[in-house]
Amino acid sequence: MKIITLCGSLKFQHEMMILAEKMSLEGYCIFTPVYPVLKNIGRTEEQLIKLREAHFKRIELSDAILVVNINNYIGDSTNSEIEYAKKIGKEIIYYTDLMKYN
Protein backbone atom coordinates (compact mmCIF):
# COMPACT_ATOMS: atom_id res chain seq x y z
CA MET A 1 0.00 0.00 0.00
CA LYS A 2 1.48 3.31 -1.09
CA ILE A 3 1.46 6.11 1.50
CA ILE A 4 0.87 9.58 0.07
CA THR A 5 0.75 12.96 1.80
CA LEU A 6 -1.42 15.63 0.20
CA CYS A 7 0.18 19.06 0.00
CA GLY A 8 -1.47 22.22 -1.22
CA SER A 9 -3.07 25.49 -0.35
CA LEU A 10 -5.86 25.26 2.19
CA LYS A 11 -8.00 27.22 -0.27
CA PHE A 12 -8.22 23.81 -2.00
CA GLN A 13 -9.38 22.11 1.22
CA HIS A 14 -12.60 20.80 -0.32
CA GLU A 15 -10.81 19.38 -3.36
CA MET A 16 -8.13 17.77 -1.14
CA MET A 17 -10.81 16.13 1.01
CA ILE A 18 -12.51 14.67 -2.08
CA LEU A 19 -9.17 13.49 -3.46
CA ALA A 20 -8.24 11.89 -0.12
CA GLU A 21 -11.51 9.95 -0.05
CA LYS A 22 -11.25 8.79 -3.67
CA MET A 23 -7.62 7.68 -3.28
CA SER A 24 -8.36 5.91 0.00
CA LEU A 25 -11.14 3.97 -1.74
CA GLU A 26 -8.56 2.96 -4.38
CA GLY A 27 -6.34 1.47 -1.66
CA TYR A 28 -3.86 4.26 -0.93
CA CYS A 29 -3.01 5.37 2.60
CA ILE A 30 -3.52 9.13 2.50
CA PHE A 31 -2.16 11.69 4.96
CA THR A 32 -3.72 15.15 4.80
CA PRO A 33 -3.02 18.52 6.34
CA VAL A 34 -5.03 19.44 9.41
CA TYR A 35 -7.93 21.42 7.98
CA PRO A 36 -9.17 24.44 9.93
CA VAL A 37 -12.75 23.64 10.89
CA LEU A 38 -13.19 25.45 14.20
CA LYS A 39 -14.59 28.94 13.66
CA ASN A 40 -13.43 31.98 15.61
CA ILE A 41 -10.40 30.27 17.10
CA GLY A 42 -7.07 32.00 17.05
CA ARG A 43 -4.03 29.83 16.61
CA THR A 44 -0.86 30.78 18.40
CA GLU A 45 2.48 30.89 16.64
CA GLU A 46 3.51 27.86 18.69
CA GLN A 47 0.45 25.92 17.52
CA LEU A 48 1.13 26.83 13.88
CA ILE A 49 4.72 25.60 14.25
CA LYS A 50 3.47 22.31 15.71
CA LEU A 51 1.04 21.87 12.80
CA ARG A 52 3.86 22.51 10.32
CA GLU A 53 6.19 20.07 12.09
CA ALA A 54 3.47 17.40 12.10
CA HIS A 55 2.88 17.89 8.36
CA PHE A 56 6.60 17.54 7.63
CA LYS A 57 6.60 14.33 9.71
CA ARG A 58 3.76 13.00 7.51
CA ILE A 59 5.94 13.76 4.48
CA GLU A 60 8.80 11.78 6.08
CA LEU A 61 6.51 8.79 6.65
CA SER A 62 5.18 8.85 3.08
CA ASP A 63 6.35 7.19 -0.09
CA ALA A 64 5.33 10.28 -2.06
CA ILE A 65 3.62 13.64 -1.85
CA LEU A 66 0.76 14.68 -4.09
CA VAL A 67 0.82 18.42 -4.74
CA VAL A 68 -2.71 19.69 -5.25
CA ASN A 69 -1.83 22.52 -7.62
CA ILE A 70 -5.19 23.44 -9.09
CA ASN A 71 -4.75 26.00 -11.89
CA ASN A 72 -1.00 25.44 -11.34
CA TYR A 73 -1.14 27.39 -8.06
CA ILE A 74 1.63 26.58 -5.58
CA GLY A 75 2.02 28.88 -2.57
CA ASP A 76 5.07 29.48 -0.41
CA SER A 77 4.19 26.84 2.21
CA THR A 78 3.52 24.19 -0.41
CA ASN A 79 6.73 25.13 -2.18
CA SER A 80 8.67 24.55 1.04
CA GLU A 81 6.98 21.14 1.40
CA ILE A 82 8.04 20.24 -2.15
CA GLU A 83 11.62 21.28 -1.43
CA TYR A 84 11.65 19.22 1.76
CA ALA A 85 10.26 16.18 -0.04
CA LYS A 86 12.96 16.54 -2.72
CA LYS A 87 15.66 16.86 -0.06
CA ILE A 88 14.65 13.58 1.59
CA GLY A 89 14.16 11.73 -1.69
CA LYS A 90 10.37 11.43 -1.87
CA GLU A 91 8.46 10.98 -5.10
CA ILE A 92 6.57 14.14 -6.06
CA ILE A 93 3.31 13.86 -7.98
CA TYR A 94 1.44 16.91 -9.28
CA TYR A 95 -2.36 16.97 -9.39
CA THR A 96 -2.36 18.77 -12.75
CA ASP A 97 -0.25 15.96 -14.25
CA LEU A 98 -2.70 13.34 -12.96
CA MET A 99 -5.64 15.19 -14.48
CA LYS A 100 -4.04 15.06 -17.94
CA TYR A 101 -4.66 11.31 -17.97
CA ASN A 102 -8.16 11.26 -16.45
PDB file of N, CA and C in Angstrom:
ATOM      1  N   MET A   1       0.848  -1.179   0.000  1.00  0.00           N
ATOM      2  CA  MET A   1       0.000   0.000   0.000  1.00  0.00           C
ATOM      3  C   MET A   1       0.890   1.237   0.000  1.00  0.00           C
ATOM      4  N   LYS A   2       0.693   2.094  -0.970  1.00  0.00           N
ATOM      5  CA  LYS A   2       1.480   3.314  -1.087  1.00  0.00           C
ATOM      6  C   LYS A   2       0.924   4.380  -0.143  1.00  0.00           C
ATOM      7  N   ILE A   3       1.836   5.042   0.575  1.00  0.00           N
ATOM      8  CA  ILE A   3       1.464   6.108   1.505  1.00  0.00           C
ATOM      9  C   ILE A   3       1.764   7.440   0.830  1.00  0.00           C
ATOM     10  N   ILE A   4       0.740   8.302   0.760  1.00  0.00           N
ATOM     11  CA  ILE A   4       0.872   9.584   0.069  1.00  0.00           C
ATOM     12  C   ILE A   4       0.377  10.703   0.979  1.00  0.00           C
ATOM     13  N   THR A   5       1.158  11.768   1.058  1.00  0.00           N
ATOM     14  CA  THR A   5       0.748  12.964   1.795  1.00  0.00           C
ATOM     15  C   THR A   5       0.285  14.012   0.804  1.00  0.00           C
ATOM     16  N   LEU A   6      -0.911  14.541   1.031  1.00  0.00           N
ATOM     17  CA  LEU A   6      -1.416  15.632   0.199  1.00  0.00           C
ATOM     18  C   LEU A   6      -0.813  16.939   0.668  1.00  0.00           C
ATOM     19  N   CYS A   7      -0.362  17.739  -0.287  1.00  0.00           N
ATOM     20  CA  CYS A   7       0.183  19.060  -0.003  1.00  0.00           C
ATOM     21  C   CYS A   7      -0.506  20.054  -0.922  1.00  0.00           C
ATOM     22  N   GLY A   8      -0.834  21.205  -0.395  1.00  0.00           N
ATOM     23  CA  GLY A   8      -1.466  22.224  -1.224  1.00  0.00           C
ATOM     24  C   GLY A   8      -2.046  23.324  -0.369  1.00  0.00           C
ATOM     25  N   SER A   9      -2.465  24.362  -1.027  1.00  0.00           N
ATOM     26  CA  SER A   9      -3.073  25.494  -0.352  1.00  0.00           C
ATOM     27  C   SER A   9      -4.372  25.072   0.312  1.00  0.00           C
ATOM     28  N   LEU A  10      -4.612  25.586   1.504  1.00  0.00           N
ATOM     29  CA  LEU A  10      -5.855  25.258   2.188  1.00  0.00           C
ATOM     30  C   LEU A  10      -7.071  25.867   1.500  1.00  0.00           C
ATOM     31  N   LYS A  11      -6.845  26.746   0.509  1.00  0.00           N
ATOM     32  CA  LYS A  11      -7.996  27.220  -0.266  1.00  0.00           C
ATOM     33  C   LYS A  11      -8.536  26.087  -1.140  1.00  0.00           C
ATOM     34  N   PHE A  12      -7.761  25.002  -1.269  1.00  0.00           N
ATOM     35  CA  PHE A  12      -8.219  23.809  -1.996  1.00  0.00           C
ATOM     36  C   PHE A  12      -8.648  22.704  -1.029  1.00  0.00           C
ATOM     37  N   GLN A  13      -9.010  23.084   0.186  1.00  0.00           N
ATOM     38  CA  GLN A  13      -9.377  22.109   1.216  1.00  0.00           C
ATOM     39  C   GLN A  13     -10.457  21.148   0.730  1.00  0.00           C
ATOM     40  N   HIS A  14     -11.499  21.659   0.131  1.00  0.00           N
ATOM     41  CA  HIS A  14     -12.595  20.798  -0.322  1.00  0.00           C
ATOM     42  C   HIS A  14     -12.105  19.786  -1.360  1.00  0.00           C
ATOM     43  N   GLU A  15     -11.334  20.260  -2.319  1.00  0.00           N
ATOM     44  CA  GLU A  15     -10.806  19.380  -3.355  1.00  0.00           C
ATOM     45  C   GLU A  15      -9.871  18.321  -2.761  1.00  0.00           C
ATOM     46  N   MET A  16      -9.052  18.725  -1.770  1.00  0.00           N
ATOM     47  CA  MET A  16      -8.134  17.772  -1.142  1.00  0.00           C
ATOM     48  C   MET A  16      -8.907  16.708  -0.365  1.00  0.00           C
ATOM     49  N   MET A  17     -10.004  17.096   0.268  1.00  0.00           N
ATOM     50  CA  MET A  17     -10.808  16.131   1.006  1.00  0.00           C
ATOM     51  C   MET A  17     -11.445  15.112   0.051  1.00  0.00           C
ATOM     52  N   ILE A  18     -11.936  15.579  -1.078  1.00  0.00           N
ATOM     53  CA  ILE A  18     -12.515  14.670  -2.083  1.00  0.00           C
ATOM     54  C   ILE A  18     -11.438  13.728  -2.616  1.00  0.00           C
ATOM     55  N   LEU A  19     -10.284  14.279  -2.942  1.00  0.00           N
ATOM     56  CA  LEU A  19      -9.169  13.488  -3.457  1.00  0.00           C
ATOM     57  C   LEU A  19      -8.721  12.445  -2.440  1.00  0.00           C
ATOM     58  N   ALA A  20      -8.643  12.827  -1.170  1.00  0.00           N
ATOM     59  CA  ALA A  20      -8.241  11.886  -0.119  1.00  0.00           C
ATOM     60  C   ALA A  20      -9.229  10.726  -0.034  1.00  0.00           C
ATOM     61  N   GLU A  21     -10.498  11.020  -0.118  1.00  0.00           N
ATOM     62  CA  GLU A  21     -11.506   9.951  -0.050  1.00  0.00           C
ATOM     63  C   GLU A  21     -11.413   9.022  -1.257  1.00  0.00           C
ATOM     64  N   LYS A  22     -11.333   9.604  -2.453  1.00  0.00           N
ATOM     65  CA  LYS A  22     -11.246   8.787  -3.670  1.00  0.00           C
ATOM     66  C   LYS A  22     -10.011   7.895  -3.657  1.00  0.00           C
ATOM     67  N   MET A  23      -8.867   8.456  -3.275  1.00  0.00           N
ATOM     68  CA  MET A  23      -7.625   7.682  -3.281  1.00  0.00           C
ATOM     69  C   MET A  23      -7.636   6.607  -2.196  1.00  0.00           C
ATOM     70  N   SER A  24      -8.243   6.913  -1.055  1.00  0.00           N
ATOM     71  CA  SER A  24      -8.363   5.911   0.004  1.00  0.00           C
ATOM     72  C   SER A  24      -9.212   4.740  -0.470  1.00  0.00           C
ATOM     73  N   LEU A  25     -10.277   5.023  -1.203  1.00  0.00           N
ATOM     74  CA  LEU A  25     -11.135   3.969  -1.737  1.00  0.00           C
ATOM     75  C   LEU A  25     -10.411   3.120  -2.786  1.00  0.00           C
ATOM     76  N   GLU A  26      -9.369   3.698  -3.399  1.00  0.00           N
ATOM     77  CA  GLU A  26      -8.562   2.959  -4.377  1.00  0.00           C
ATOM     78  C   GLU A  26      -7.452   2.147  -3.701  1.00  0.00           C
ATOM     79  N   GLY A  27      -7.318   2.285  -2.375  1.00  0.00           N
ATOM     80  CA  GLY A  27      -6.344   1.472  -1.661  1.00  0.00           C
ATOM     81  C   GLY A  27      -5.083   2.187  -1.210  1.00  0.00           C
ATOM     82  N   TYR A  28      -5.016   3.492  -1.403  1.00  0.00           N
ATOM     83  CA  TYR A  28      -3.862   4.255  -0.933  1.00  0.00           C
ATOM     84  C   TYR A  28      -4.069   4.640   0.529  1.00  0.00           C
ATOM     85  N   CYS A  29      -2.974   4.814   1.251  1.00  0.00           N
ATOM     86  CA  CYS A  29      -3.009   5.371   2.600  1.00  0.00           C
ATOM     87  C   CYS A  29      -2.690   6.858   2.439  1.00  0.00           C
ATOM     88  N   ILE A  30      -3.653   7.705   2.770  1.00  0.00           N
ATOM     89  CA  ILE A  30      -3.524   9.130   2.505  1.00  0.00           C
ATOM     90  C   ILE A  30      -3.382   9.916   3.808  1.00  0.00           C
ATOM     91  N   PHE A  31      -2.323  10.725   3.875  1.00  0.00           N
ATOM     92  CA  PHE A  31      -2.156  11.689   4.959  1.00  0.00           C
ATOM     93  C   PHE A  31      -2.562  13.054   4.415  1.00  0.00           C
ATOM     94  N   THR A  32      -3.279  13.813   5.217  1.00  0.00           N
ATOM     95  CA  THR A  32      -3.718  15.146   4.797  1.00  0.00           C
ATOM     96  C   THR A  32      -3.238  16.189   5.794  1.00  0.00           C
ATOM     97  N   PRO A  33      -3.260  17.451   5.366  1.00  0.00           N
ATOM     98  CA  PRO A  33      -3.016  18.515   6.338  1.00  0.00           C
ATOM     99  C   PRO A  33      -4.154  18.519   7.362  1.00  0.00           C
ATOM    100  N   VAL A  34      -3.949  19.212   8.457  1.00  0.00           N
ATOM    101  CA  VAL A  34      -5.034  19.437   9.406  1.00  0.00           C
ATOM    102  C   VAL A  34      -5.822  20.626   8.870  1.00  0.00           C
ATOM    103  N   TYR A  35      -7.092  20.371   8.558  1.00  0.00           N
ATOM    104  CA  TYR A  35      -7.927  21.421   7.976  1.00  0.00           C
ATOM    105  C   TYR A  35      -8.552  22.269   9.078  1.00  0.00           C
ATOM    106  N   PRO A  36      -8.540  23.584   8.913  1.00  0.00           N
ATOM    107  CA  PRO A  36      -9.166  24.442   9.925  1.00  0.00           C
ATOM    108  C   PRO A  36     -10.691  24.313   9.839  1.00  0.00           C
ATOM    109  N   VAL A  37     -11.291  23.797  10.887  1.00  0.00           N
ATOM    110  CA  VAL A  37     -12.753  23.638  10.891  1.00  0.00           C
ATOM    111  C   VAL A  37     -13.410  24.386  12.051  1.00  0.00           C
ATOM    112  N   LEU A  38     -12.638  24.707  13.070  1.00  0.00           N
ATOM    113  CA  LEU A  38     -13.194  25.447  14.196  1.00  0.00           C
ATOM    114  C   LEU A  38     -13.246  26.926  13.840  1.00  0.00           C
ATOM    115  N   LYS A  39     -14.416  27.509  13.993  1.00  0.00           N
ATOM    116  CA  LYS A  39     -14.593  28.939  13.662  1.00  0.00           C
ATOM    117  C   LYS A  39     -14.201  29.787  14.863  1.00  0.00           C
ATOM    118  N   ASN A  40     -13.748  30.987  14.575  1.00  0.00           N
ATOM    119  CA  ASN A  40     -13.435  31.977  15.613  1.00  0.00           C
ATOM    120  C   ASN A  40     -12.423  31.479  16.640  1.00  0.00           C
ATOM    121  N   ILE A  41     -11.460  30.714  16.185  1.00  0.00           N
ATOM    122  CA  ILE A  41     -10.402  30.273  17.097  1.00  0.00           C
ATOM    123  C   ILE A  41      -9.080  30.829  16.568  1.00  0.00           C
ATOM    124  N   GLY A  42      -8.380  31.504  17.438  1.00  0.00           N
ATOM    125  CA  GLY A  42      -7.069  32.003  17.052  1.00  0.00           C
ATOM    126  C   GLY A  42      -6.023  30.933  17.326  1.00  0.00           C
ATOM    127  N   ARG A  43      -5.116  30.793  16.415  1.00  0.00           N
ATOM    128  CA  ARG A  43      -4.034  29.828  16.610  1.00  0.00           C
ATOM    129  C   ARG A  43      -2.774  30.606  16.966  1.00  0.00           C
ATOM    130  N   THR A  44      -2.090  30.115  17.983  1.00  0.00           N
ATOM    131  CA  THR A  44      -0.858  30.782  18.400  1.00  0.00           C
ATOM    132  C   THR A  44       0.256  30.415  17.425  1.00  0.00           C
ATOM    133  N   GLU A  45       1.311  31.182  17.473  1.00  0.00           N
ATOM    134  CA  GLU A  45       2.479  30.894  16.641  1.00  0.00           C
ATOM    135  C   GLU A  45       3.032  29.512  16.980  1.00  0.00           C
ATOM    136  N   GLU A  46       3.035  29.179  18.254  1.00  0.00           N
ATOM    137  CA  GLU A  46       3.513  27.863  18.689  1.00  0.00           C
ATOM    138  C   GLU A  46       2.647  26.736  18.105  1.00  0.00           C
ATOM    139  N   GLN A  47       1.349  26.931  18.091  1.00  0.00           N
ATOM    140  CA  GLN A  47       0.453  25.916  17.516  1.00  0.00           C
ATOM    141  C   GLN A  47       0.684  25.767  16.009  1.00  0.00           C
ATOM    142  N   LEU A  48       0.872  26.880  15.324  1.00  0.00           N
ATOM    143  CA  LEU A  48       1.131  26.825  13.885  1.00  0.00           C
ATOM    144  C   LEU A  48       2.434  26.099  13.582  1.00  0.00           C
ATOM    145  N   ILE A  49       3.439  26.306  14.418  1.00  0.00           N
ATOM    146  CA  ILE A  49       4.718  25.604  14.255  1.00  0.00           C
ATOM    147  C   ILE A  49       4.514  24.104  14.454  1.00  0.00           C
ATOM    148  N   LYS A  50       3.738  23.732  15.462  1.00  0.00           N
ATOM    149  CA  LYS A  50       3.465  22.312  15.710  1.00  0.00           C
ATOM    150  C   LYS A  50       2.719  21.676  14.539  1.00  0.00           C
ATOM    151  N   LEU A  51       1.760  22.395  13.966  1.00  0.00           N
ATOM    152  CA  LEU A  51       1.040  21.869  12.799  1.00  0.00           C
ATOM    153  C   LEU A  51       1.990  21.660  11.620  1.00  0.00           C
ATOM    154  N   ARG A  52       2.888  22.613  11.420  1.00  0.00           N
ATOM    155  CA  ARG A  52       3.855  22.514  10.319  1.00  0.00           C
ATOM    156  C   ARG A  52       4.800  21.326  10.551  1.00  0.00           C
ATOM    157  N   GLU A  53       5.301  21.187  11.776  1.00  0.00           N
ATOM    158  CA  GLU A  53       6.195  20.066  12.089  1.00  0.00           C
ATOM    159  C   GLU A  53       5.490  18.730  11.884  1.00  0.00           C
ATOM    160  N   ALA A  54       4.232  18.643  12.272  1.00  0.00           N
ATOM    161  CA  ALA A  54       3.469  17.398  12.097  1.00  0.00           C
ATOM    162  C   ALA A  54       3.283  17.091  10.611  1.00  0.00           C
ATOM    163  N   HIS A  55       3.051  18.125   9.809  1.00  0.00           N
ATOM    164  CA  HIS A  55       2.880  17.888   8.362  1.00  0.00           C
ATOM    165  C   HIS A  55       4.192  17.408   7.730  1.00  0.00           C
ATOM    166  N   PHE A  56       5.301  17.990   8.148  1.00  0.00           N
ATOM    167  CA  PHE A  56       6.597  17.536   7.633  1.00  0.00           C
ATOM    168  C   PHE A  56       6.889  16.100   8.073  1.00  0.00           C
ATOM    169  N   LYS A  57       6.441  15.718   9.260  1.00  0.00           N
ATOM    170  CA  LYS A  57       6.596  14.332   9.713  1.00  0.00           C
ATOM    171  C   LYS A  57       5.774  13.392   8.829  1.00  0.00           C
ATOM    172  N   ARG A  58       4.570  13.818   8.436  1.00  0.00           N
ATOM    173  CA  ARG A  58       3.764  13.002   7.513  1.00  0.00           C
ATOM    174  C   ARG A  58       4.497  12.814   6.185  1.00  0.00           C
ATOM    175  N   ILE A  59       5.156  13.869   5.720  1.00  0.00           N
ATOM    176  CA  ILE A  59       5.943  13.755   4.481  1.00  0.00           C
ATOM    177  C   ILE A  59       7.055  12.721   4.662  1.00  0.00           C
ATOM    178  N   GLU A  60       7.733  12.755   5.800  1.00  0.00           N
ATOM    179  CA  GLU A  60       8.804  11.780   6.077  1.00  0.00           C
ATOM    180  C   GLU A  60       8.277  10.350   6.051  1.00  0.00           C
ATOM    181  N   LEU A  61       7.086  10.131   6.568  1.00  0.00           N
ATOM    182  CA  LEU A  61       6.510   8.793   6.654  1.00  0.00           C
ATOM    183  C   LEU A  61       5.941   8.295   5.332  1.00  0.00           C
ATOM    184  N   SER A  62       5.818   9.180   4.360  1.00  0.00           N
ATOM    185  CA  SER A  62       5.183   8.855   3.082  1.00  0.00           C
ATOM    186  C   SER A  62       6.162   8.301   2.063  1.00  0.00           C
ATOM    187  N   ASP A  63       5.584   7.608   1.089  1.00  0.00           N
ATOM    188  CA  ASP A  63       6.349   7.195  -0.087  1.00  0.00           C
ATOM    189  C   ASP A  63       6.442   8.340  -1.088  1.00  0.00           C
ATOM    190  N   ALA A  64       5.411   9.193  -1.086  1.00  0.00           N
ATOM    191  CA  ALA A  64       5.329  10.284  -2.063  1.00  0.00           C
ATOM    192  C   ALA A  64       4.462  11.397  -1.504  1.00  0.00           C
ATOM    193  N   ILE A  65       4.582  12.577  -2.123  1.00  0.00           N
ATOM    194  CA  ILE A  65       3.621  13.643  -1.851  1.00  0.00           C
ATOM    195  C   ILE A  65       2.835  13.884  -3.138  1.00  0.00           C
ATOM    196  N   LEU A  66       1.594  14.281  -2.963  1.00  0.00           N
ATOM    197  CA  LEU A  66       0.757  14.685  -4.089  1.00  0.00           C
ATOM    198  C   LEU A  66       0.456  16.158  -3.900  1.00  0.00           C
ATOM    199  N   VAL A  67       0.985  16.972  -4.805  1.00  0.00           N
ATOM    200  CA  VAL A  67       0.823  18.415  -4.740  1.00  0.00           C
ATOM    201  C   VAL A  67      -0.485  18.774  -5.446  1.00  0.00           C
ATOM    202  N   VAL A  68      -1.427  19.285  -4.680  1.00  0.00           N
ATOM    203  CA  VAL A  68      -2.714  19.691  -5.247  1.00  0.00           C
ATOM    204  C   VAL A  68      -2.540  21.126  -5.738  1.00  0.00           C
ATOM    205  N   ASN A  69      -2.173  21.232  -7.010  1.00  0.00           N
ATOM    206  CA  ASN A  69      -1.830  22.516  -7.622  1.00  0.00           C
ATOM    207  C   ASN A  69      -2.877  22.903  -8.661  1.00  0.00           C
ATOM    208  N   ILE A  70      -4.096  23.075  -8.203  1.00  0.00           N
ATOM    209  CA  ILE A  70      -5.190  23.439  -9.095  1.00  0.00           C
ATOM    210  C   ILE A  70      -4.861  24.765  -9.770  1.00  0.00           C
ATOM    211  N   ASN A  71      -5.113  24.828 -11.078  1.00  0.00           N
ATOM    212  CA  ASN A  71      -4.753  25.996 -11.888  1.00  0.00           C
ATOM    213  C   ASN A  71      -3.272  26.335 -11.760  1.00  0.00           C
ATOM    214  N   ASN A  72      -2.449  25.306 -11.493  1.00  0.00           N
ATOM    215  CA  ASN A  72      -0.998  25.438 -11.342  1.00  0.00           C
ATOM    216  C   ASN A  72      -0.580  26.337 -10.184  1.00  0.00           C
ATOM    217  N   TYR A  73      -1.473  26.544  -9.209  1.00  0.00           N
ATOM    218  CA  TYR A  73      -1.138  27.393  -8.063  1.00  0.00           C
ATOM    219  C   TYR A  73      -0.358  26.595  -7.021  1.00  0.00           C
ATOM    220  N   ILE A  74       0.806  27.132  -6.661  1.00  0.00           N
ATOM    221  CA  ILE A  74       1.626  26.580  -5.576  1.00  0.00           C
ATOM    222  C   ILE A  74       2.094  27.760  -4.730  1.00  0.00           C
ATOM    223  N   GLY A  75       1.637  27.799  -3.478  1.00  0.00           N
ATOM    224  CA  GLY A  75       2.018  28.884  -2.572  1.00  0.00           C
ATOM    225  C   GLY A  75       3.353  28.615  -1.900  1.00  0.00           C
ATOM    226  N   ASP A  76       3.772  29.564  -1.078  1.00  0.00           N
ATOM    227  CA  ASP A  76       5.071  29.476  -0.411  1.00  0.00           C
ATOM    228  C   ASP A  76       5.180  28.259   0.502  1.00  0.00           C
ATOM    229  N   SER A  77       4.141  27.984   1.290  1.00  0.00           N
ATOM    230  CA  SER A  77       4.188  26.839   2.207  1.00  0.00           C
ATOM    231  C   SER A  77       4.293  25.531   1.439  1.00  0.00           C
ATOM    232  N   THR A  78       3.482  25.408   0.404  1.00  0.00           N
ATOM    233  CA  THR A  78       3.522  24.189  -0.411  1.00  0.00           C
ATOM    234  C   THR A  78       4.869  24.055  -1.097  1.00  0.00           C
ATOM    235  N   ASN A  79       5.413  25.160  -1.547  1.00  0.00           N
ATOM    236  CA  ASN A  79       6.735  25.131  -2.179  1.00  0.00           C
ATOM    237  C   ASN A  79       7.787  24.621  -1.205  1.00  0.00           C
ATOM    238  N   SER A  80       7.695  25.028   0.057  1.00  0.00           N
ATOM    239  CA  SER A  80       8.671  24.548   1.041  1.00  0.00           C
ATOM    240  C   SER A  80       8.473  23.051   1.311  1.00  0.00           C
ATOM    241  N   GLU A  81       7.246  22.570   1.246  1.00  0.00           N
ATOM    242  CA  GLU A  81       6.978  21.142   1.404  1.00  0.00           C
ATOM    243  C   GLU A  81       7.570  20.346   0.240  1.00  0.00           C
ATOM    244  N   ILE A  82       7.449  20.882  -0.964  1.00  0.00           N
ATOM    245  CA  ILE A  82       8.037  20.238  -2.151  1.00  0.00           C
ATOM    246  C   ILE A  82       9.551  20.159  -1.999  1.00  0.00           C
ATOM    247  N   GLU A  83      10.162  21.253  -1.597  1.00  0.00           N
ATOM    248  CA  GLU A  83      11.619  21.280  -1.429  1.00  0.00           C
ATOM    249  C   GLU A  83      12.065  20.286  -0.368  1.00  0.00           C
ATOM    250  N   TYR A  84      11.304  20.183   0.712  1.00  0.00           N
ATOM    251  CA  TYR A  84      11.647  19.222   1.762  1.00  0.00           C
ATOM    252  C   TYR A  84      11.531  17.793   1.236  1.00  0.00           C
ATOM    253  N   ALA A  85      10.459  17.520   0.519  1.00  0.00           N
ATOM    254  CA  ALA A  85      10.264  16.178  -0.045  1.00  0.00           C
ATOM    255  C   ALA A  85      11.399  15.817  -1.004  1.00  0.00           C
ATOM    256  N   LYS A  86      11.822  16.778  -1.822  1.00  0.00           N
ATOM    257  CA  LYS A  86      12.955  16.538  -2.724  1.00  0.00           C
ATOM    258  C   LYS A  86      14.216  16.217  -1.926  1.00  0.00           C
ATOM    259  N   LYS A  87      14.449  16.996  -0.880  1.00  0.00           N
ATOM    260  CA  LYS A  87      15.657  16.856  -0.063  1.00  0.00           C
ATOM    261  C   LYS A  87      15.758  15.465   0.558  1.00  0.00           C
ATOM    262  N   ILE A  88      14.614  14.890   0.941  1.00  0.00           N
ATOM    263  CA  ILE A  88      14.654  13.577   1.594  1.00  0.00           C
ATOM    264  C   ILE A  88      14.303  12.441   0.624  1.00  0.00           C
ATOM    265  N   GLY A  89      14.277  12.759  -0.666  1.00  0.00           N
ATOM    266  CA  GLY A  89      14.164  11.729  -1.692  1.00  0.00           C
ATOM    267  C   GLY A  89      12.779  11.147  -1.911  1.00  0.00           C
ATOM    268  N   LYS A  90      11.736  11.927  -1.664  1.00  0.00           N
ATOM    269  CA  LYS A  90      10.374  11.435  -1.869  1.00  0.00           C
ATOM    270  C   LYS A  90       9.924  11.673  -3.310  1.00  0.00           C
ATOM    271  N   GLU A  91       9.084  10.787  -3.790  1.00  0.00           N
ATOM    272  CA  GLU A  91       8.455  10.983  -5.103  1.00  0.00           C
ATOM    273  C   GLU A  91       7.498  12.167  -5.000  1.00  0.00           C
ATOM    274  N   ILE A  92       7.459  12.983  -6.043  1.00  0.00           N
ATOM    275  CA  ILE A  92       6.568  14.141  -6.061  1.00  0.00           C
ATOM    276  C   ILE A  92       5.632  13.999  -7.262  1.00  0.00           C
ATOM    277  N   ILE A  93       4.344  13.999  -6.966  1.00  0.00           N
ATOM    278  CA  ILE A  93       3.308  13.861  -7.979  1.00  0.00           C
ATOM    279  C   ILE A  93       2.506  15.160  -7.978  1.00  0.00           C
ATOM    280  N   TYR A  94       2.212  15.672  -9.171  1.00  0.00           N
ATOM    281  CA  TYR A  94       1.441  16.906  -9.279  1.00  0.00           C
ATOM    282  C   TYR A  94       0.026  16.588  -9.755  1.00  0.00           C
ATOM    283  N   TYR A  95      -0.946  17.163  -9.083  1.00  0.00           N
ATOM    284  CA  TYR A  95      -2.357  16.965  -9.394  1.00  0.00           C
ATOM    285  C   TYR A  95      -2.647  17.281 -10.857  1.00  0.00           C
ATOM    286  N   THR A  96      -2.087  18.381 -11.362  1.00  0.00           N
ATOM    287  CA  THR A  96      -2.356  18.766 -12.751  1.00  0.00           C
ATOM    288  C   THR A  96      -1.831  17.727 -13.735  1.00  0.00           C
ATOM    289  N   ASP A  97      -0.750  17.037 -13.386  1.00  0.00           N
ATOM    290  CA  ASP A  97      -0.251  15.957 -14.251  1.00  0.00           C
ATOM    291  C   ASP A  97      -1.204  14.768 -14.235  1.00  0.00           C
ATOM    292  N   LEU A  98      -1.755  14.448 -13.065  1.00  0.00           N
ATOM    293  CA  LEU A  98      -2.700  13.340 -12.959  1.00  0.00           C
ATOM    294  C   LEU A  98      -3.953  13.604 -13.791  1.00  0.00           C
ATOM    295  N   MET A  99      -4.398  14.855 -13.789  1.00  0.00           N
ATOM    296  CA  MET A  99      -5.645  15.186 -14.477  1.00  0.00           C
ATOM    297  C   MET A  99      -5.498  15.118 -15.992  1.00  0.00           C
ATOM    298  N   LYS A 100      -4.281  15.180 -16.505  1.00  0.00           N
ATOM    299  CA  LYS A 100      -4.044  15.060 -17.943  1.00  0.00           C
ATOM    300  C   LYS A 100      -4.465  13.684 -18.456  1.00  0.00           C
ATOM    301  N   TYR A 101      -4.401  12.693 -17.555  1.00  0.00           N
ATOM    302  CA  TYR A 101      -4.656  11.308 -17.968  1.00  0.00           C
ATOM    303  C   TYR A 101      -6.032  10.819 -17.544  1.00  0.00           C
ATOM    304  N   ASN A 102      -6.820  11.663 -16.888  1.00  0.00           N
ATOM    305  CA  ASN A 102      -8.164  11.260 -16.448  1.00  0.00           C
ATOM    306  C   ASN A 102      -9.237  11.940 -17.269  1.00  0.00           C
TER     307      ASN A 102
END
